[in-house]
Every structure is written in structure tokens, then in C-alpha cells.
Amino acid sequence: MSSINTNVSAMAALSTLRSINADMEKTQGAISSGLSVQDASDNAAYWSIATTMKSDNKALSTAQDALGLGAAKADTAYTGLSATIDIVSEIKSKLMAAREPGVDKEKINKELTELKNQLTSTAKSASFSGENWLYNESTTPMGTKEMVGSFTRDTNGNVTIGTLDFDTATSVMIDTQDPTKGLLTKAVDADTLLATPGTGTSYYLVNGGTPDTGTEISLTSTTTDAEVEGMLRVVSKIFDDATDAAATLGATSKRISMQDDFMADLRNVIDKGVGKLVDADMNEESTRLKALQTQQQLGIQALSIANSESQNILSLFR
């Protein structure tokens, strides 16, 4: 039946054309944005997962930046410790020379004085972003330093921030308020370092402003060989402790470096995972667009044919 009020063929063709146009709009959006899932209406589950992981990846990026700051602090402290070890080693050599009979101990002491001044300068200079793990001027011990190391979301969606810790008690070289907290400022009983420990004179290497109970390591013309040997034992102890501190700090720096590499890889993996969920396959989308364009042209022609049917009725009245 032909009707001038209801064109069923045109309505069917128009409905098909609308569907084609909607599919084309979606495909063009995917091509222009590169995303097959742009909002929750496209795929609520994938959109939710991708949005959460993108947010977590930003948090990981921030954690990685914070890790870089911690690495810079640790590297600065390690550089200062490495220089300190070299200077203490030089002081050991000077004390060995002072043990030789007939040497001018006062001239050697001038060299020791400059070396000790360099130790103080090195410890003061080992600062990054306002933090110095080798030199403490505060009445409060520096304690343990925390460095942001990770961002984690568990299976229940709970978020935790992981930290890497370093105890500065092992790295402080000079403490101006409490000399017993500084490796170079604390007094060590030289006789406790003998094969058969005893009690004798205590020596410290650097006067940080508040001297410890003991004697500063220095030489005069009247310094005895026994005193030089006692000083040498204490300096050797300081050298060993500084080496241990540098090893600990080096291990911490290595762990920071490994964690930084891991976080960089983790961020890349998350990016790939999110991409698999929401990224559009451009080859597939371009092929679909070409097909839809063809369907659209055919739909327009079908609608045109359907609309022309009502015009044919006029020929019956001629």
C-alpha cells in the first residue's frame, strides 16, 4: 500500500542512516582522539580501570621525582664521606711520619691542622636542598631520614606510600652541639683499641666548637712516641668507621637507583596496560570509517529513492 501520510520506506531508510551516522561519529571520535573508550558510556569497566591507573601513574611519577631528590641527597653525602676518608687517610700518613725518630713534629702538626680544617669544610659543604647528613649544628640529633620510594595500591584499593630509610647516626662526621654524636668529634680511648684493651688517653680528631672530654689529636715537640701511636690507633678507628658509613650510604644509593629504574619500568608497563584497554586500533578504525562512509552514501541514496515514491503517485492523477 502506498500512503501520502506515512512513508514507511523513507522512515526505514532514515533510521538506518541515523544509525550509520552515529557509528561514524563514534569512529571519527576514536580516530581523532586515538581512544576507543573516551568516557564511561563507552565501556564503564575499562574506563574506570584506566582512569584509576592513569591517576596512580601520576602519583608514581611524583614518587619517582621525590626519589630523585633523595638520591641527590644520598649522593651528596657519599661524596662528602668519600673526601673525608681520603683526608683521614692522609692524616694517618702524617702520624706515621711523626713516629719516625728525629722528625719535626711541629711542622707535621701544621699539616694536620690544615687537614682538619679541610675535614670541617668538607662536612659543612656536603649539603643539598638544605639538608646535610655529615654536619649537625642542631641540639636535636638528625635521626633517620625517610625518602619516598614507592606508591602502592593493594587488592582492596588501599593506597600506601613506601619509604627508604637511612640512619644518619652512622654518617654524622661533626656535631657542634653533642660531640659524642660525631665521628670526628667524639673522643675514643686509644688503649681500648689495643690487642689487650686497657684504659688510657682518649683522643678526638676535630674540635667542632664543643670539645668532647678528651684530647684533640695534635703534635708538639714534646709529644711522645706512645702518644703518637695512641693517636694513630684512634685515627685508624675513625678511618674504619668512616669507611663503614660510606659503604652503608653507598648501599642505600644503590637501592635508590634500583628502585628508580623499577619505577620507570613500572610506569611504562602501566601505560601499556592502559593503552590496551582504551586505545583505538587505528588500522581497524580507519577501515571501519571507510566502510561507514560507503554505507552513508548508500543510505542517502536509499532515502532519496524512498522519498521519490510519493512523487510517483502524482502520475496517477494526470
Protein backbone atom coordinates (compact mmCIF):
# COMPACT_ATOMS: atom_id res chain seq x y z
CA MET A 1 0.00 0.00 0.00
CA SER A 2 1.19 3.49 -0.87
CA SER A 3 0.34 6.34 1.52
CA ILE A 4 0.98 10.07 1.30
CA ASN A 5 0.78 10.36 5.12
CA THR A 6 3.20 7.60 6.10
CA ASN A 7 6.27 6.76 4.04
CA VAL A 8 7.42 3.52 5.60
CA SER A 9 10.35 3.10 3.22
CA ALA A 10 11.64 6.60 3.97
CA MET A 11 11.29 6.01 7.72
CA ALA A 12 13.31 2.78 7.48
CA ALA A 13 15.97 4.43 5.33
CA LEU A 14 16.16 7.40 7.73
CA SER A 15 16.52 5.09 10.74
CA THR A 16 19.34 3.22 9.03
CA LEU A 17 21.05 6.48 8.08
CA ARG A 18 20.83 7.73 11.66
CA SER A 19 22.46 4.51 12.91
CA ILE A 20 25.22 4.84 10.31
CA ASN A 21 25.82 8.49 11.26
CA ALA A 22 26.03 7.56 14.96
CA ASP A 23 28.57 4.83 14.22
CA MET A 24 30.52 7.23 12.02
CA GLU A 25 30.56 9.87 14.76
CA LYS A 26 31.93 7.32 17.23
CA THR A 27 34.56 6.11 14.76
CA GLN A 28 35.64 9.64 13.89
CA GLY A 29 35.94 10.40 17.60
CA ALA A 30 38.14 7.35 18.09
CA ILE A 31 40.35 8.37 15.19
CA SER A 32 40.67 12.00 16.30
CA SER A 33 41.36 11.16 19.97
CA GLY A 34 43.15 7.84 19.48
CA LEU A 35 40.85 6.31 22.12
CA SER A 36 38.26 3.63 21.69
CA VAL A 37 37.00 4.28 25.24
CA GLN A 38 36.76 8.03 25.79
CA ASP A 39 34.24 8.14 28.64
CA ALA A 40 32.28 5.86 30.93
CA SER A 41 29.43 5.47 28.46
CA ASP A 42 31.76 3.69 26.01
CA ASN A 43 32.81 0.97 28.44
CA ALA A 44 32.25 1.69 32.13
CA ALA A 45 34.55 -1.08 33.43
CA TYR A 46 37.52 -0.29 31.20
CA TRP A 47 37.06 3.46 31.65
CA SER A 48 37.07 3.09 35.45
CA ILE A 49 40.20 0.91 35.47
CA ALA A 50 42.04 3.16 33.03
CA THR A 51 41.13 6.35 34.93
CA THR A 52 42.36 4.88 38.21
CA MET A 53 45.61 3.59 36.72
CA LYS A 54 46.29 6.91 34.99
CA SER A 55 45.89 8.67 38.33
CA ASP A 56 48.17 6.13 40.03
CA ASN A 57 50.75 6.61 37.29
CA LYS A 58 50.81 10.34 38.02
CA ALA A 59 51.38 9.52 41.70
CA LEU A 60 54.21 7.17 40.68
CA SER A 61 55.75 9.96 38.63
CA THR A 62 55.69 12.24 41.67
CA ALA A 63 57.17 9.46 43.83
CA GLN A 64 59.92 8.99 41.26
CA ASP A 65 60.70 12.72 41.39
CA ALA A 66 60.89 12.52 45.19
CA LEU A 67 63.16 9.50 44.84
CA GLY A 68 65.44 11.57 42.62
CA LEU A 69 65.64 14.18 45.37
CA GLY A 70 66.56 11.51 47.90
CA ALA A 71 69.18 10.14 45.53
CA ALA A 72 70.73 13.60 45.19
CA LYS A 73 70.94 13.95 48.99
CA ALA A 74 72.48 10.50 49.38
CA ASP A 75 74.98 11.12 46.57
CA THR A 76 75.99 14.44 48.11
CA ALA A 77 76.57 12.82 51.50
CA TYR A 78 78.51 9.98 49.89
CA THR A 79 80.74 12.45 48.03
CA GLY A 80 81.48 14.20 51.32
CA LEU A 81 82.21 10.89 53.05
CA SER A 82 84.50 9.79 50.25
CA ALA A 83 86.50 13.02 50.55
CA THR A 84 86.58 12.61 54.34
CA ILE A 85 88.04 9.13 54.02
CA ASP A 86 90.80 10.44 51.76
CA ILE A 87 91.67 13.21 54.22
CA VAL A 88 91.67 10.86 57.23
CA SER A 89 93.93 8.53 55.29
CA GLU A 90 96.31 11.44 54.72
CA ILE A 91 96.25 12.22 58.45
CA LYS A 92 97.19 8.59 59.17
CA SER A 93 100.18 9.01 56.90
CA LYS A 94 101.26 12.18 58.68
CA LEU A 95 101.04 10.49 62.08
CA MET A 96 103.09 7.59 60.76
CA ALA A 97 105.70 10.09 59.64
CA ALA A 98 105.64 11.72 63.10
CA ARG A 99 106.59 8.37 64.62
CA GLU A 100 109.94 8.44 62.83
CA PRO A 101 112.80 9.49 65.13
CA GLY A 102 114.16 12.99 64.63
CA VAL A 103 111.24 14.43 62.60
CA ASP A 104 109.94 17.93 63.27
CA LYS A 105 106.57 17.18 64.87
CA GLU A 106 105.51 20.83 64.96
CA LYS A 107 105.82 21.13 61.17
CA ILE A 108 103.81 17.96 60.75
CA ASN A 109 101.22 19.43 63.12
CA LYS A 110 100.80 22.41 60.79
CA GLU A 111 99.85 19.98 58.06
CA LEU A 112 97.49 18.17 60.43
CA THR A 113 95.83 21.49 61.29
CA GLU A 114 95.11 22.24 57.63
CA LEU A 115 93.86 18.72 57.03
CA LYS A 116 91.48 19.01 60.00
CA ASN A 117 90.26 22.37 58.70
CA GLN A 118 89.59 20.67 55.38
CA LEU A 119 87.60 17.98 57.17
CA THR A 120 85.37 20.66 58.70
CA SER A 121 84.98 22.41 55.36
CA THR A 122 84.09 19.15 53.62
CA ALA A 123 81.47 18.22 56.21
CA LYS A 124 79.89 21.70 56.05
CA SER A 125 79.80 21.69 52.26
CA ALA A 126 78.08 18.30 51.86
CA SER A 127 74.62 19.89 51.78
CA PHE A 128 71.80 19.50 49.27
CA SER A 129 68.43 21.26 49.40
CA GLY A 130 69.15 22.46 52.94
CA GLU A 131 70.00 19.02 54.30
CA ASN A 132 73.42 17.95 55.48
CA TRP A 133 73.89 14.39 56.69
CA LEU A 134 77.51 14.92 57.75
CA TYR A 135 77.36 18.15 59.78
CA ASN A 136 74.89 18.83 62.58
CA GLU A 137 74.51 22.17 64.34
CA SER A 138 71.17 21.43 65.97
CA THR A 139 70.66 20.35 69.57
CA THR A 140 68.39 17.63 68.19
CA PRO A 141 70.00 14.61 66.53
CA MET A 142 69.18 14.28 62.83
CA GLY A 143 67.90 10.75 63.31
CA THR A 144 66.60 8.64 60.45
CA LYS A 145 65.95 10.26 57.09
CA GLU A 146 62.99 8.99 55.08
CA MET A 147 62.89 9.12 51.29
CA VAL A 148 59.69 8.43 49.37
CA GLY A 149 60.33 5.24 47.46
CA SER A 150 57.06 3.86 46.12
CA PHE A 151 53.31 4.24 45.67
CA THR A 152 51.23 1.08 46.05
CA ARG A 153 47.54 0.20 45.68
CA ASP A 154 46.56 -3.18 47.13
CA THR A 155 43.75 -5.52 46.02
CA ASN A 156 41.29 -3.70 48.28
CA GLY A 157 42.12 -0.33 46.75
CA ASN A 158 44.02 0.90 49.80
CA VAL A 159 46.92 3.22 48.99
CA THR A 160 50.27 3.16 50.81
CA ILE A 161 53.47 5.13 50.36
CA GLY A 162 56.72 3.24 50.81
CA THR A 163 59.89 4.88 52.10
CA LEU A 164 63.60 4.18 52.04
CA ASP A 165 65.27 4.95 55.37
CA PHE A 166 68.81 5.97 56.22
CA ASP A 167 70.07 6.39 59.79
CA THR A 168 72.29 9.49 59.85
CA ALA A 169 73.77 8.39 63.17
CA THR A 170 76.27 6.43 61.08
CA SER A 171 77.15 9.33 58.78
CA VAL A 172 77.44 12.42 61.01
CA MET A 173 81.08 13.48 60.99
CA ILE A 174 80.86 16.66 63.07
CA ASP A 175 78.28 17.55 65.71
CA THR A 176 78.78 21.03 67.14
CA GLN A 177 76.29 20.55 69.99
CA ASP A 178 76.97 17.00 71.11
CA PRO A 179 80.48 15.93 70.05
CA THR A 180 79.80 12.33 71.07
CA LYS A 181 77.40 12.09 68.08
CA GLY A 182 80.07 12.98 65.50
CA LEU A 183 82.55 10.50 64.13
CA LEU A 184 85.32 13.11 64.02
CA THR A 185 84.36 14.98 67.20
CA LYS A 186 83.84 12.13 69.66
CA ALA A 187 86.70 11.02 71.91
CA VAL A 188 87.94 7.45 71.66
CA ASP A 189 90.10 5.76 74.29
CA ALA A 190 93.24 4.76 72.44
CA ASP A 191 94.04 1.90 74.80
CA THR A 192 90.71 0.17 74.16
CA LEU A 193 91.97 -0.39 70.60
CA LEU A 194 94.98 -2.43 71.70
CA ALA A 195 95.18 -6.18 71.26
CA THR A 196 94.83 -6.29 75.03
CA PRO A 197 92.37 -3.47 75.75
CA GLY A 198 93.02 -1.15 78.65
CA THR A 199 92.22 2.38 79.76
CA GLY A 200 94.33 5.30 78.67
CA THR A 201 94.12 8.66 76.92
CA SER A 202 91.07 9.48 74.80
CA TYR A 203 91.55 11.42 71.58
CA TYR A 204 89.22 13.20 69.14
CA LEU A 205 90.19 14.45 65.69
CA VAL A 206 88.20 17.67 65.19
CA ASN A 207 87.03 20.31 67.65
CA GLY A 208 83.53 21.15 66.41
CA GLY A 209 83.05 24.03 68.84
CA THR A 210 82.02 21.99 71.87
CA PRO A 211 85.03 19.73 72.55
CA ASP A 212 84.49 16.26 73.92
CA THR A 213 86.13 15.08 77.12
CA GLY A 214 89.48 14.05 75.77
CA THR A 215 92.48 15.42 73.94
CA GLU A 216 92.46 16.77 70.41
CA ILE A 217 94.84 14.99 68.07
CA SER A 218 97.74 17.38 67.57
CA LEU A 219 101.52 17.25 67.81
CA THR A 220 104.10 19.26 69.71
CA SER A 221 107.83 18.87 70.07
CA THR A 222 107.23 17.05 73.36
CA THR A 223 104.70 14.54 72.04
CA THR A 224 105.94 11.07 72.91
CA ASP A 225 106.06 8.08 70.58
CA ALA A 226 103.47 6.32 72.75
CA GLU A 227 101.11 9.29 72.35
CA VAL A 228 101.62 9.32 68.59
CA GLU A 229 100.84 5.60 68.46
CA GLY A 230 97.68 6.18 70.51
CA MET A 231 96.59 8.95 68.13
CA LEU A 232 97.31 6.71 65.17
CA ARG A 233 95.11 3.94 66.59
CA VAL A 234 92.23 6.38 67.08
CA VAL A 235 92.61 7.80 63.55
CA SER A 236 92.67 4.25 62.17
CA LYS A 237 89.43 3.58 64.05
CA ILE A 238 87.89 6.75 62.60
CA PHE A 239 89.01 5.68 59.13
CA ASP A 240 87.37 2.26 59.54
CA ASP A 241 84.13 3.79 60.85
CA ALA A 242 84.02 6.33 58.02
CA THR A 243 84.57 3.53 55.52
CA ASP A 244 81.69 1.56 57.06
CA ALA A 245 79.46 4.64 56.91
CA ALA A 246 80.33 5.20 53.25
CA ALA A 247 79.59 1.54 52.48
CA THR A 248 76.18 1.81 54.16
CA LEU A 249 75.40 5.03 52.31
CA GLY A 250 76.62 3.51 49.05
CA ALA A 251 74.29 0.55 49.54
CA THR A 252 71.42 2.98 50.16
CA SER A 253 72.28 4.90 46.99
CA LYS A 254 72.35 1.65 45.03
CA ARG A 255 68.94 0.69 46.35
CA ILE A 256 67.56 4.13 45.41
CA SER A 257 68.95 3.71 41.90
CA MET A 258 67.41 0.25 41.55
CA GLN A 259 64.06 1.50 42.86
CA ASP A 260 64.16 4.40 40.41
CA ASP A 261 64.78 2.02 37.50
CA PHE A 262 61.98 -0.26 38.70
CA MET A 263 59.51 2.62 38.98
CA ALA A 264 60.37 3.81 35.48
CA ASP A 265 59.72 0.30 34.12
CA LEU A 266 56.53 0.04 36.17
CA ARG A 267 55.19 3.29 34.76
CA ASN A 268 55.87 2.07 31.23
CA VAL A 269 54.07 -1.21 31.92
CA ILE A 270 51.06 0.65 33.35
CA ASP A 271 50.98 2.91 30.29
CA LYS A 272 50.96 -0.17 28.06
CA GLY A 273 48.21 -1.81 30.10
CA VAL A 274 46.01 1.30 29.99
CA GLY A 275 46.65 1.59 26.26
CA LYS A 276 45.41 -1.95 25.67
CA LEU A 277 42.18 -1.10 27.48
CA VAL A 278 41.27 2.25 25.94
CA ASP A 279 43.48 2.98 22.91
CA ALA A 280 41.91 2.68 19.48
CA ASP A 281 43.30 0.35 16.81
CA MET A 282 43.89 2.97 14.13
CA ASN A 283 44.06 0.39 11.32
CA GLU A 284 40.72 -1.05 12.34
CA GLU A 285 39.09 2.33 12.90
CA SER A 286 40.24 3.73 9.54
CA THR A 287 38.89 0.65 7.77
CA ARG A 288 35.59 0.97 9.63
CA LEU A 289 35.36 4.67 8.73
CA LYS A 290 35.80 3.89 5.03
CA ALA A 291 33.02 1.28 5.21
CA LEU A 292 30.72 3.64 7.10
CA GLN A 293 31.29 6.38 4.53
CA THR A 294 30.19 3.96 1.83
CA GLN A 295 27.16 2.92 3.87
CA GLN A 296 26.30 6.57 4.45
CA GLN A 297 26.31 7.31 0.74
CA LEU A 298 24.12 4.27 0.08
CA GLY A 299 21.79 5.29 2.90
CA ILE A 300 21.39 8.77 1.45
CA GLN A 301 20.56 7.27 -1.94
CA ALA A 302 18.06 4.84 -0.36
CA LEU A 303 16.37 7.72 1.47
CA SER A 304 16.22 9.69 -1.75
CA ILE A 305 14.59 6.76 -3.56
CA ALA A 306 12.11 6.25 -0.71
CA ASN A 307 11.14 9.93 -0.76
CA SER A 308 10.63 9.84 -4.52
CA GLU A 309 8.00 7.09 -4.24
CA SER A 310 5.35 9.52 -3.02
CA GLN A 311 6.04 11.70 -6.04
CA ASN A 312 5.16 8.79 -8.31
CA ILE A 313 1.57 8.87 -7.03
CA LEU A 314 1.06 12.21 -8.78
CA SER A 315 1.41 10.49 -12.13
CA LEU A 316 -1.79 8.59 -11.42
CA PHE A 317 -3.78 11.87 -11.38
CA ARG A 318 -2.58 13.17 -14.72
